[in-house]
């Protein structure tokens, strides 16, 4: 498995996560199309947020980044958030 953590901070991040919360059904539908998706979690930190994606492999994680980027361009292009801080790598342990 492979995980990607995207942390959004700074100008526009809070508003972006408000929009994601408002449109969470659309966000869920878009992310469910990602091949090999194991889990997707959005955390609202109050001043922005974090997205945690786990897929069966790196290709799925790369696809999730593309889907998320396209969703933001289509549904939140009026919000000017800084690019996220991205942390990614193979999953060592996952407990369900």
PDB file of N, CA and C in Angstrom:
ATOM      1  N   UNK A   1       0.840  -1.180   0.000  1.00  0.00           N
ATOM      2  CA  UNK A   1       0.000   0.000   0.000  1.00  0.00           C
ATOM      3  C   UNK A   1       0.882   1.239   0.000  1.00  0.00           C
ATOM      4  N   UNK A   2       0.272   2.342  -0.426  1.00  0.00           N
ATOM      5  CA  UNK A   2       0.993   3.607  -0.572  1.00  0.00           C
ATOM      6  C   UNK A   2       0.087   4.723  -0.062  1.00  0.00           C
ATOM      7  N   UNK A   3       0.640   5.663   0.681  1.00  0.00           N
ATOM      8  CA  UNK A   3      -0.151   6.753   1.259  1.00  0.00           C
ATOM      9  C   UNK A   3       0.395   8.110   0.845  1.00  0.00           C
ATOM     10  N   UNK A   4      -0.526   9.061   0.729  1.00  0.00           N
ATOM     11  CA  UNK A   4      -0.174  10.455   0.458  1.00  0.00           C
ATOM     12  C   UNK A   4      -0.912  11.322   1.474  1.00  0.00           C
ATOM     13  N   UNK A   5      -0.183  12.231   2.099  1.00  0.00           N
ATOM     14  CA  UNK A   5      -0.771  13.190   3.037  1.00  0.00           C
ATOM     15  C   UNK A   5      -0.536  14.576   2.458  1.00  0.00           C
ATOM     16  N   UNK A   6      -1.627  15.314   2.249  1.00  0.00           N
ATOM     17  CA  UNK A   6      -1.532  16.681   1.721  1.00  0.00           C
ATOM     18  C   UNK A   6      -2.045  17.633   2.800  1.00  0.00           C
ATOM     19  N   UNK A   7      -1.195  18.571   3.207  1.00  0.00           N
ATOM     20  CA  UNK A   7      -1.556  19.534   4.241  1.00  0.00           C
ATOM     21  C   UNK A   7      -1.671  20.915   3.611  1.00  0.00           C
ATOM     22  N   UNK A   8      -2.835  21.526   3.779  1.00  0.00           N
ATOM     23  CA  UNK A   8      -3.125  22.842   3.210  1.00  0.00           C
ATOM     24  C   UNK A   8      -3.106  23.874   4.323  1.00  0.00           C
ATOM     25  N   UNK A   9      -2.255  24.883   4.170  1.00  0.00           N
ATOM     26  CA  UNK A   9      -2.115  25.959   5.146  1.00  0.00           C
ATOM     27  C   UNK A   9      -2.117  27.292   4.413  1.00  0.00           C
ATOM     28  N   UNK A  10      -2.245  28.355   5.169  1.00  0.00           N
ATOM     29  CA  UNK A  10      -2.086  29.673   4.575  1.00  0.00           C
ATOM     30  C   UNK A  10      -3.349  30.217   3.938  1.00  0.00           C
ATOM     31  N   UNK A  11      -3.148  31.246   3.147  1.00  0.00           N
ATOM     32  CA  UNK A  11      -4.245  31.980   2.537  1.00  0.00           C
ATOM     33  C   UNK A  11      -5.149  31.061   1.736  1.00  0.00           C
ATOM     34  N   UNK A  12      -6.418  31.096   2.027  1.00  0.00           N
ATOM     35  CA  UNK A  12      -7.405  30.346   1.269  1.00  0.00           C
ATOM     36  C   UNK A  12      -7.644  28.924   1.739  1.00  0.00           C
ATOM     37  N   UNK A  13      -6.757  28.366   2.547  1.00  0.00           N
ATOM     38  CA  UNK A  13      -6.894  26.969   2.958  1.00  0.00           C
ATOM     39  C   UNK A  13      -8.155  26.745   3.792  1.00  0.00           C
ATOM     40  N   UNK A  14      -8.444  27.660   4.701  1.00  0.00           N
ATOM     41  CA  UNK A  14      -9.649  27.512   5.533  1.00  0.00           C
ATOM     42  C   UNK A  14     -10.894  27.513   4.666  1.00  0.00           C
ATOM     43  N   UNK A  15     -10.944  28.439   3.711  1.00  0.00           N
ATOM     44  CA  UNK A  15     -12.109  28.523   2.817  1.00  0.00           C
ATOM     45  C   UNK A  15     -12.212  27.277   1.933  1.00  0.00           C
ATOM     46  N   UNK A  16     -11.068  26.763   1.483  1.00  0.00           N
ATOM     47  CA  UNK A  16     -11.077  25.547   0.672  1.00  0.00           C
ATOM     48  C   UNK A  16     -11.714  24.397   1.441  1.00  0.00           C
ATOM     49  N   UNK A  17     -11.360  24.246   2.706  1.00  0.00           N
ATOM     50  CA  UNK A  17     -11.923  23.145   3.483  1.00  0.00           C
ATOM     51  C   UNK A  17     -13.383  23.381   3.845  1.00  0.00           C
ATOM     52  N   UNK A  18     -13.793  24.622   3.939  1.00  0.00           N
ATOM     53  CA  UNK A  18     -15.225  24.903   4.089  1.00  0.00           C
ATOM     54  C   UNK A  18     -15.969  24.436   2.840  1.00  0.00           C
ATOM     55  N   UNK A  19     -15.411  24.721   1.660  1.00  0.00           N
ATOM     56  CA  UNK A  19     -16.028  24.301   0.395  1.00  0.00           C
ATOM     57  C   UNK A  19     -16.061  22.775   0.290  1.00  0.00           C
ATOM     58  N   UNK A  20     -14.964  22.129   0.658  1.00  0.00           N
ATOM     59  CA  UNK A  20     -14.929  20.665   0.622  1.00  0.00           C
ATOM     60  C   UNK A  20     -16.003  20.081   1.532  1.00  0.00           C
ATOM     61  N   UNK A  21     -16.206  20.680   2.704  1.00  0.00           N
ATOM     62  CA  UNK A  21     -17.241  20.219   3.623  1.00  0.00           C
ATOM     63  C   UNK A  21     -18.629  20.438   3.026  1.00  0.00           C
ATOM     64  N   UNK A  22     -18.840  21.591   2.413  1.00  0.00           N
ATOM     65  CA  UNK A  22     -20.129  21.893   1.782  1.00  0.00           C
ATOM     66  C   UNK A  22     -20.448  20.914   0.655  1.00  0.00           C
ATOM     67  N   UNK A  23     -19.420  20.438  -0.045  1.00  0.00           N
ATOM     68  CA  UNK A  23     -19.598  19.593  -1.231  1.00  0.00           C
ATOM     69  C   UNK A  23     -19.083  18.175  -1.007  1.00  0.00           C
ATOM     70  N   UNK A  24     -19.116  17.709   0.234  1.00  0.00           N
ATOM     71  CA  UNK A  24     -18.486  16.427   0.551  1.00  0.00           C
ATOM     72  C   UNK A  24     -19.053  15.255  -0.237  1.00  0.00           C
ATOM     73  N   UNK A  25     -20.330  15.282  -0.593  1.00  0.00           N
ATOM     74  CA  UNK A  25     -20.900  14.204  -1.404  1.00  0.00           C
ATOM     75  C   UNK A  25     -20.230  14.149  -2.768  1.00  0.00           C
ATOM     76  N   UNK A  26     -20.002  15.314  -3.378  1.00  0.00           N
ATOM     77  CA  UNK A  26     -19.315  15.373  -4.673  1.00  0.00           C
ATOM     78  C   UNK A  26     -17.862  14.922  -4.548  1.00  0.00           C
ATOM     79  N   UNK A  27     -17.219  15.323  -3.457  1.00  0.00           N
ATOM     80  CA  UNK A  27     -15.823  14.932  -3.230  1.00  0.00           C
ATOM     81  C   UNK A  27     -15.733  13.408  -3.109  1.00  0.00           C
ATOM     82  N   UNK A  28     -16.632  12.828  -2.317  1.00  0.00           N
ATOM     83  CA  UNK A  28     -16.643  11.373  -2.147  1.00  0.00           C
ATOM     84  C   UNK A  28     -16.845  10.670  -3.481  1.00  0.00           C
ATOM     85  N   UNK A  29     -17.790  11.145  -4.279  1.00  0.00           N
ATOM     86  CA  UNK A  29     -18.063  10.518  -5.578  1.00  0.00           C
ATOM     87  C   UNK A  29     -16.842  10.581  -6.487  1.00  0.00           C
ATOM     88  N   UNK A  30     -16.158  11.703  -6.496  1.00  0.00           N
ATOM     89  CA  UNK A  30     -14.973  11.845  -7.347  1.00  0.00           C
ATOM     90  C   UNK A  30     -13.866  10.898  -6.902  1.00  0.00           C
ATOM     91  N   UNK A  31     -13.623  10.823  -5.599  1.00  0.00           N
ATOM     92  CA  UNK A  31     -12.526   9.987  -5.102  1.00  0.00           C
ATOM     93  C   UNK A  31     -12.825   8.501  -5.220  1.00  0.00           C
ATOM     94  N   UNK A  32     -14.088   8.122  -5.228  1.00  0.00           N
ATOM     95  CA  UNK A  32     -14.435   6.701  -5.367  1.00  0.00           C
ATOM     96  C   UNK A  32     -14.048   6.150  -6.740  1.00  0.00           C
ATOM     97  N   UNK A  33     -13.744   7.017  -7.695  1.00  0.00           N
ATOM     98  CA  UNK A  33     -13.329   6.569  -9.027  1.00  0.00           C
ATOM     99  C   UNK A  33     -11.849   6.187  -9.076  1.00  0.00           C
ATOM    100  N   UNK A  34     -11.107   6.462  -8.027  1.00  0.00           N
ATOM    101  CA  UNK A  34      -9.664   6.191  -8.011  1.00  0.00           C
ATOM    102  C   UNK A  34      -9.434   4.682  -7.912  1.00  0.00           C
ATOM    103  N   UNK A  35      -8.692   4.122  -8.873  1.00  0.00           N
ATOM    104  CA  UNK A  35      -8.417   2.685  -8.816  1.00  0.00           C
ATOM    105  C   UNK A  35      -7.529   2.335  -7.618  1.00  0.00           C
ATOM    106  N   UNK A  36      -7.924   1.300  -6.891  1.00  0.00           N
ATOM    107  CA  UNK A  36      -7.120   0.848  -5.761  1.00  0.00           C
ATOM    108  C   UNK A  36      -7.250   1.683  -4.504  1.00  0.00           C
ATOM    109  N   UNK A  37      -8.265   2.554  -4.436  1.00  0.00           N
ATOM    110  CA  UNK A  37      -8.445   3.388  -3.242  1.00  0.00           C
ATOM    111  C   UNK A  37      -8.787   2.502  -2.042  1.00  0.00           C
ATOM    112  N   UNK A  38      -8.025   2.632  -0.978  1.00  0.00           N
ATOM    113  CA  UNK A  38      -8.280   1.906   0.260  1.00  0.00           C
ATOM    114  C   UNK A  38      -9.036   2.809   1.230  1.00  0.00           C
ATOM    115  N   UNK A  39      -8.570   4.054   1.384  1.00  0.00           N
ATOM    116  CA  UNK A  39      -9.259   5.002   2.258  1.00  0.00           C
ATOM    117  C   UNK A  39      -8.897   6.429   1.868  1.00  0.00           C
ATOM    118  N   UNK A  40      -9.811   7.340   2.195  1.00  0.00           N
ATOM    119  CA  UNK A  40      -9.598   8.766   1.958  1.00  0.00           C
ATOM    120  C   UNK A  40     -10.217   9.497   3.133  1.00  0.00           C
ATOM    121  N   UNK A  41      -9.439  10.368   3.766  1.00  0.00           N
ATOM    122  CA  UNK A  41      -9.912  11.105   4.932  1.00  0.00           C
ATOM    123  C   UNK A  41      -9.534  12.572   4.797  1.00  0.00           C
ATOM    124  N   UNK A  42     -10.489  13.456   5.071  1.00  0.00           N
ATOM    125  CA  UNK A  42     -10.226  14.896   5.123  1.00  0.00           C
ATOM    126  C   UNK A  42     -10.365  15.354   6.567  1.00  0.00           C
ATOM    127  N   UNK A  43      -9.383  16.108   7.049  1.00  0.00           N
ATOM    128  CA  UNK A  43      -9.414  16.670   8.395  1.00  0.00           C
ATOM    129  C   UNK A  43      -9.476  18.184   8.292  1.00  0.00           C
ATOM    130  N   UNK A  44     -10.458  18.797   8.925  1.00  0.00           N
ATOM    131  CA  UNK A  44     -10.532  20.249   8.976  1.00  0.00           C
ATOM    132  C   UNK A  44      -9.826  20.697  10.248  1.00  0.00           C
ATOM    133  N   UNK A  45      -8.725  21.425  10.088  1.00  0.00           N
ATOM    134  CA  UNK A  45      -7.931  21.852  11.244  1.00  0.00           C
ATOM    135  C   UNK A  45      -8.302  23.248  11.737  1.00  0.00           C
ATOM    136  N   UNK A  46      -9.303  23.850  11.112  1.00  0.00           N
ATOM    137  CA  UNK A  46      -9.724  25.185  11.509  1.00  0.00           C
ATOM    138  C   UNK A  46      -9.050  26.283  10.714  1.00  0.00           C
ATOM    139  N   UNK A  47      -7.769  26.118  10.436  1.00  0.00           N
ATOM    140  CA  UNK A  47      -7.045  27.112   9.638  1.00  0.00           C
ATOM    141  C   UNK A  47      -6.621  26.526   8.291  1.00  0.00           C
ATOM    142  N   UNK A  48      -7.223  25.426   7.939  1.00  0.00           N
ATOM    143  CA  UNK A  48      -6.907  24.709   6.699  1.00  0.00           C
ATOM    144  C   UNK A  48      -7.298  23.271   6.883  1.00  0.00           C
ATOM    145  N   UNK A  49      -6.463  22.365   6.416  1.00  0.00           N
ATOM    146  CA  UNK A  49      -6.804  20.971   6.598  1.00  0.00           C
ATOM    147  C   UNK A  49      -5.789  20.038   5.990  1.00  0.00           C
ATOM    148  N   UNK A  50      -6.081  18.761   6.167  1.00  0.00           N
ATOM    149  CA  UNK A  50      -5.203  17.705   5.695  1.00  0.00           C
ATOM    150  C   UNK A  50      -6.034  16.628   5.022  1.00  0.00           C
ATOM    151  N   UNK A  51      -5.514  16.117   3.907  1.00  0.00           N
ATOM    152  CA  UNK A  51      -6.119  14.986   3.208  1.00  0.00           C
ATOM    153  C   UNK A  51      -5.167  13.807   3.329  1.00  0.00           C
ATOM    154  N   UNK A  52      -5.705  12.649   3.718  1.00  0.00           N
ATOM    155  CA  UNK A  52      -4.914  11.428   3.842  1.00  0.00           C
ATOM    156  C   UNK A  52      -5.509  10.396   2.892  1.00  0.00           C
ATOM    157  N   UNK A  53      -4.707   9.961   1.931  1.00  0.00           N
ATOM    158  CA  UNK A  53      -5.150   8.992   0.938  1.00  0.00           C
ATOM    159  C   UNK A  53      -4.287   7.747   1.040  1.00  0.00           C
ATOM    160  N   UNK A  54      -4.938   6.587   1.103  1.00  0.00           N
ATOM    161  CA  UNK A  54      -4.229   5.311   1.079  1.00  0.00           C
ATOM    162  C   UNK A  54      -4.772   4.513  -0.096  1.00  0.00           C
ATOM    163  N   UNK A  55      -3.857   4.032  -0.927  1.00  0.00           N
ATOM    164  CA  UNK A  55      -4.219   3.223  -2.091  1.00  0.00           C
ATOM    165  C   UNK A  55      -3.399   1.937  -2.080  1.00  0.00           C
ATOM    166  N   UNK A  56      -3.789   1.006  -2.932  1.00  0.00           N
ATOM    167  CA  UNK A  56      -3.072  -0.261  -2.988  1.00  0.00           C
ATOM    168  C   UNK A  56      -1.667  -0.100  -3.536  1.00  0.00           C
ATOM    169  N   UNK A  57      -1.429   0.956  -4.329  1.00  0.00           N
ATOM    170  CA  UNK A  57      -0.094   1.182  -4.891  1.00  0.00           C
ATOM    171  C   UNK A  57       0.098   2.661  -5.217  1.00  0.00           C
ATOM    172  N   UNK A  58       1.307   3.020  -5.619  1.00  0.00           N
ATOM    173  CA  UNK A  58       1.631   4.415  -5.927  1.00  0.00           C
ATOM    174  C   UNK A  58       0.812   4.935  -7.101  1.00  0.00           C
ATOM    175  N   UNK A  59       0.518   4.081  -8.077  1.00  0.00           N
ATOM    176  CA  UNK A  59      -0.281   4.516  -9.228  1.00  0.00           C
ATOM    177  C   UNK A  59      -1.650   5.017  -8.776  1.00  0.00           C
ATOM    178  N   UNK A  60      -2.267   4.336  -7.827  1.00  0.00           N
ATOM    179  CA  UNK A  60      -3.549   4.787  -7.294  1.00  0.00           C
ATOM    180  C   UNK A  60      -3.420   6.107  -6.561  1.00  0.00           C
ATOM    181  N   UNK A  61      -2.359   6.250  -5.788  1.00  0.00           N
ATOM    182  CA  UNK A  61      -2.133   7.508  -5.073  1.00  0.00           C
ATOM    183  C   UNK A  61      -1.907   8.657  -6.044  1.00  0.00           C
ATOM    184  N   UNK A  62      -1.150   8.393  -7.118  1.00  0.00           N
ATOM    185  CA  UNK A  62      -0.948   9.418  -8.151  1.00  0.00           C
ATOM    186  C   UNK A  62      -2.275   9.793  -8.800  1.00  0.00           C
ATOM    187  N   UNK A  63      -3.123   8.795  -9.054  1.00  0.00           N
ATOM    188  CA  UNK A  63      -4.441   9.059  -9.640  1.00  0.00           C
ATOM    189  C   UNK A  63      -5.292   9.896  -8.692  1.00  0.00           C
ATOM    190  N   UNK A  64      -5.179   9.646  -7.385  1.00  0.00           N
ATOM    191  CA  UNK A  64      -5.967  10.421  -6.420  1.00  0.00           C
ATOM    192  C   UNK A  64      -5.553  11.884  -6.430  1.00  0.00           C
ATOM    193  N   UNK A  65      -4.255  12.146  -6.595  1.00  0.00           N
ATOM    194  CA  UNK A  65      -3.783  13.533  -6.677  1.00  0.00           C
ATOM    195  C   UNK A  65      -4.378  14.229  -7.891  1.00  0.00           C
ATOM    196  N   UNK A  66      -4.436  13.519  -9.006  1.00  0.00           N
ATOM    197  CA  UNK A  66      -5.002  14.087 -10.232  1.00  0.00           C
ATOM    198  C   UNK A  66      -6.492  14.377 -10.054  1.00  0.00           C
ATOM    199  N   UNK A  67      -7.225  13.429  -9.482  1.00  0.00           N
ATOM    200  CA  UNK A  67      -8.665  13.613  -9.260  1.00  0.00           C
ATOM    201  C   UNK A  67      -8.908  14.793  -8.321  1.00  0.00           C
ATOM    202  N   UNK A  68      -8.145  14.881  -7.244  1.00  0.00           N
ATOM    203  CA  UNK A  68      -8.311  15.987  -6.289  1.00  0.00           C
ATOM    204  C   UNK A  68      -8.004  17.328  -6.944  1.00  0.00           C
ATOM    205  N   UNK A  69      -6.918  17.384  -7.712  1.00  0.00           N
ATOM    206  CA  UNK A  69      -6.541  18.626  -8.401  1.00  0.00           C
ATOM    207  C   UNK A  69      -7.645  19.053  -9.372  1.00  0.00           C
ATOM    208  N   UNK A  70      -8.177  18.099 -10.143  1.00  0.00           N
ATOM    209  CA  UNK A  70      -9.239  18.418 -11.103  1.00  0.00           C
ATOM    210  C   UNK A  70     -10.503  18.879 -10.390  1.00  0.00           C
ATOM    211  N   UNK A  71     -10.839  18.244  -9.255  1.00  0.00           N
ATOM    212  CA  UNK A  71     -12.035  18.646  -8.519  1.00  0.00           C
ATOM    213  C   UNK A  71     -11.884  20.084  -8.031  1.00  0.00           C
ATOM    214  N   UNK A  72     -10.721  20.410  -7.489  1.00  0.00           N
ATOM    215  CA  UNK A  72     -10.488  21.768  -6.997  1.00  0.00           C
ATOM    216  C   UNK A  72     -10.561  22.771  -8.141  1.00  0.00           C
ATOM    217  N   UNK A  73      -9.965  22.456  -9.281  1.00  0.00           N
ATOM    218  CA  UNK A  73     -10.016  23.365 -10.432  1.00  0.00           C
ATOM    219  C   UNK A  73     -11.451  23.594 -10.890  1.00  0.00           C
ATOM    220  N   UNK A  74     -12.263  22.544 -10.856  1.00  0.00           N
ATOM    221  CA  UNK A  74     -13.647  22.646 -11.333  1.00  0.00           C
ATOM    222  C   UNK A  74     -14.577  23.298 -10.306  1.00  0.00           C
ATOM    223  N   UNK A  75     -14.362  23.017  -9.026  1.00  0.00           N
ATOM    224  CA  UNK A  75     -15.332  23.408  -8.001  1.00  0.00           C
ATOM    225  C   UNK A  75     -14.860  24.463  -7.004  1.00  0.00           C
ATOM    226  N   UNK A  76     -13.573  24.792  -7.037  1.00  0.00           N
ATOM    227  CA  UNK A  76     -13.063  25.765  -6.065  1.00  0.00           C
ATOM    228  C   UNK A  76     -12.005  26.671  -6.683  1.00  0.00           C
ATOM    229  N   UNK A  77     -12.124  26.923  -7.972  1.00  0.00           N
ATOM    230  CA  UNK A  77     -11.115  27.750  -8.650  1.00  0.00           C
ATOM    231  C   UNK A  77     -11.140  29.201  -8.175  1.00  0.00           C
ATOM    232  N   UNK A  78     -12.243  29.606  -7.534  1.00  0.00           N
ATOM    233  CA  UNK A  78     -12.339  30.965  -7.012  1.00  0.00           C
ATOM    234  C   UNK A  78     -11.590  31.130  -5.685  1.00  0.00           C
ATOM    235  N   UNK A  79     -11.147  30.021  -5.109  1.00  0.00           N
ATOM    236  CA  UNK A  79     -10.419  30.049  -3.843  1.00  0.00           C
ATOM    237  C   UNK A  79      -8.941  29.890  -4.157  1.00  0.00           C
ATOM    238  N   UNK A  80      -8.159  30.820  -3.689  1.00  0.00           N
ATOM    239  CA  UNK A  80      -6.732  30.810  -4.005  1.00  0.00           C
ATOM    240  C   UNK A  80      -5.935  30.330  -2.792  1.00  0.00           C
ATOM    241  N   UNK A  81      -5.840  29.003  -2.675  1.00  0.00           N
ATOM    242  CA  UNK A  81      -5.080  28.395  -1.586  1.00  0.00           C
ATOM    243  C   UNK A  81      -3.660  28.100  -2.057  1.00  0.00           C
ATOM    244  N   UNK A  82      -2.741  28.138  -1.125  1.00  0.00           N
ATOM    245  CA  UNK A  82      -1.354  27.775  -1.420  1.00  0.00           C
ATOM    246  C   UNK A  82      -1.299  26.288  -1.780  1.00  0.00           C
ATOM    247  N   UNK A  83      -0.348  25.871  -2.611  1.00  0.00           N
ATOM    248  CA  UNK A  83      -0.199  24.438  -2.884  1.00  0.00           C
ATOM    249  C   UNK A  83       0.054  23.678  -1.577  1.00  0.00           C
ATOM    250  N   UNK A  84      -0.424  22.443  -1.490  1.00  0.00           N
ATOM    251  CA  UNK A  84      -0.262  21.696  -0.247  1.00  0.00           C
ATOM    252  C   UNK A  84       1.179  21.237  -0.024  1.00  0.00           C
ATOM    253  N   UNK A  85       1.471  20.974   1.235  1.00  0.00           N
ATOM    254  CA  UNK A  85       2.703  20.281   1.603  1.00  0.00           C
ATOM    255  C   UNK A  85       2.388  18.796   1.437  1.00  0.00           C
ATOM    256  N   UNK A  86       3.168  18.095   0.631  1.00  0.00           N
ATOM    257  CA  UNK A  86       2.878  16.695   0.316  1.00  0.00           C
ATOM    258  C   UNK A  86       3.916  15.788   0.964  1.00  0.00           C
ATOM    259  N   UNK A  87       3.413  14.786   1.680  1.00  0.00           N
ATOM    260  CA  UNK A  87       4.246  13.738   2.258  1.00  0.00           C
ATOM    261  C   UNK A  87       3.705  12.420   1.732  1.00  0.00           C
ATOM    262  N   UNK A  88       4.581  11.558   1.220  1.00  0.00           N
ATOM    263  CA  UNK A  88       4.090  10.301   0.672  1.00  0.00           C
ATOM    264  C   UNK A  88       5.106   9.192   0.845  1.00  0.00           C
ATOM    265  N   UNK A  89       4.605   7.955   0.805  1.00  0.00           N
ATOM    266  CA  UNK A  89       5.503   6.814   0.888  1.00  0.00           C
ATOM    267  C   UNK A  89       4.752   5.517   1.103  1.00  0.00           C
ATOM    268  N   UNK A  90       5.475   4.412   1.045  1.00  0.00           N
ATOM    269  CA  UNK A  90       4.862   3.104   1.276  1.00  0.00           C
ATOM    270  C   UNK A  90       4.347   2.995   2.714  1.00  0.00           C
ATOM    271  N   UNK A  91       3.203   2.352   2.860  1.00  0.00           N
ATOM    272  CA  UNK A  91       2.608   2.138   4.175  1.00  0.00           C
ATOM    273  C   UNK A  91       3.355   0.994   4.866  1.00  0.00           C
ATOM    274  N   UNK A  92       3.762   1.216   6.097  1.00  0.00           N
ATOM    275  CA  UNK A  92       4.454   0.192   6.871  1.00  0.00           C
ATOM    276  C   UNK A  92       3.448  -0.635   7.670  1.00  0.00           C
ATOM    277  N   UNK A  93       2.516   0.043   8.355  1.00  0.00           N
ATOM    278  CA  UNK A  93       1.492  -0.629   9.147  1.00  0.00           C
ATOM    279  C   UNK A  93       0.178   0.101   8.939  1.00  0.00           C
ATOM    280  N   UNK A  94      -0.897  -0.662   8.737  1.00  0.00           N
ATOM    281  CA  UNK A  94      -2.237  -0.081   8.714  1.00  0.00           C
ATOM    282  C   UNK A  94      -3.152  -1.016   9.487  1.00  0.00           C
ATOM    283  N   UNK A  95      -3.901  -0.456  10.412  1.00  0.00           N
ATOM    284  CA  UNK A  95      -4.824  -1.238  11.219  1.00  0.00           C
ATOM    285  C   UNK A  95      -6.232  -0.763  10.905  1.00  0.00           C
ATOM    286  N   UNK A  96      -7.097  -1.687  10.535  1.00  0.00           N
ATOM    287  CA  UNK A  96      -8.500  -1.340  10.242  1.00  0.00           C
ATOM    288  C   UNK A  96      -9.376  -1.703  11.407  1.00  0.00           C
TER     289      UNK A  96
END
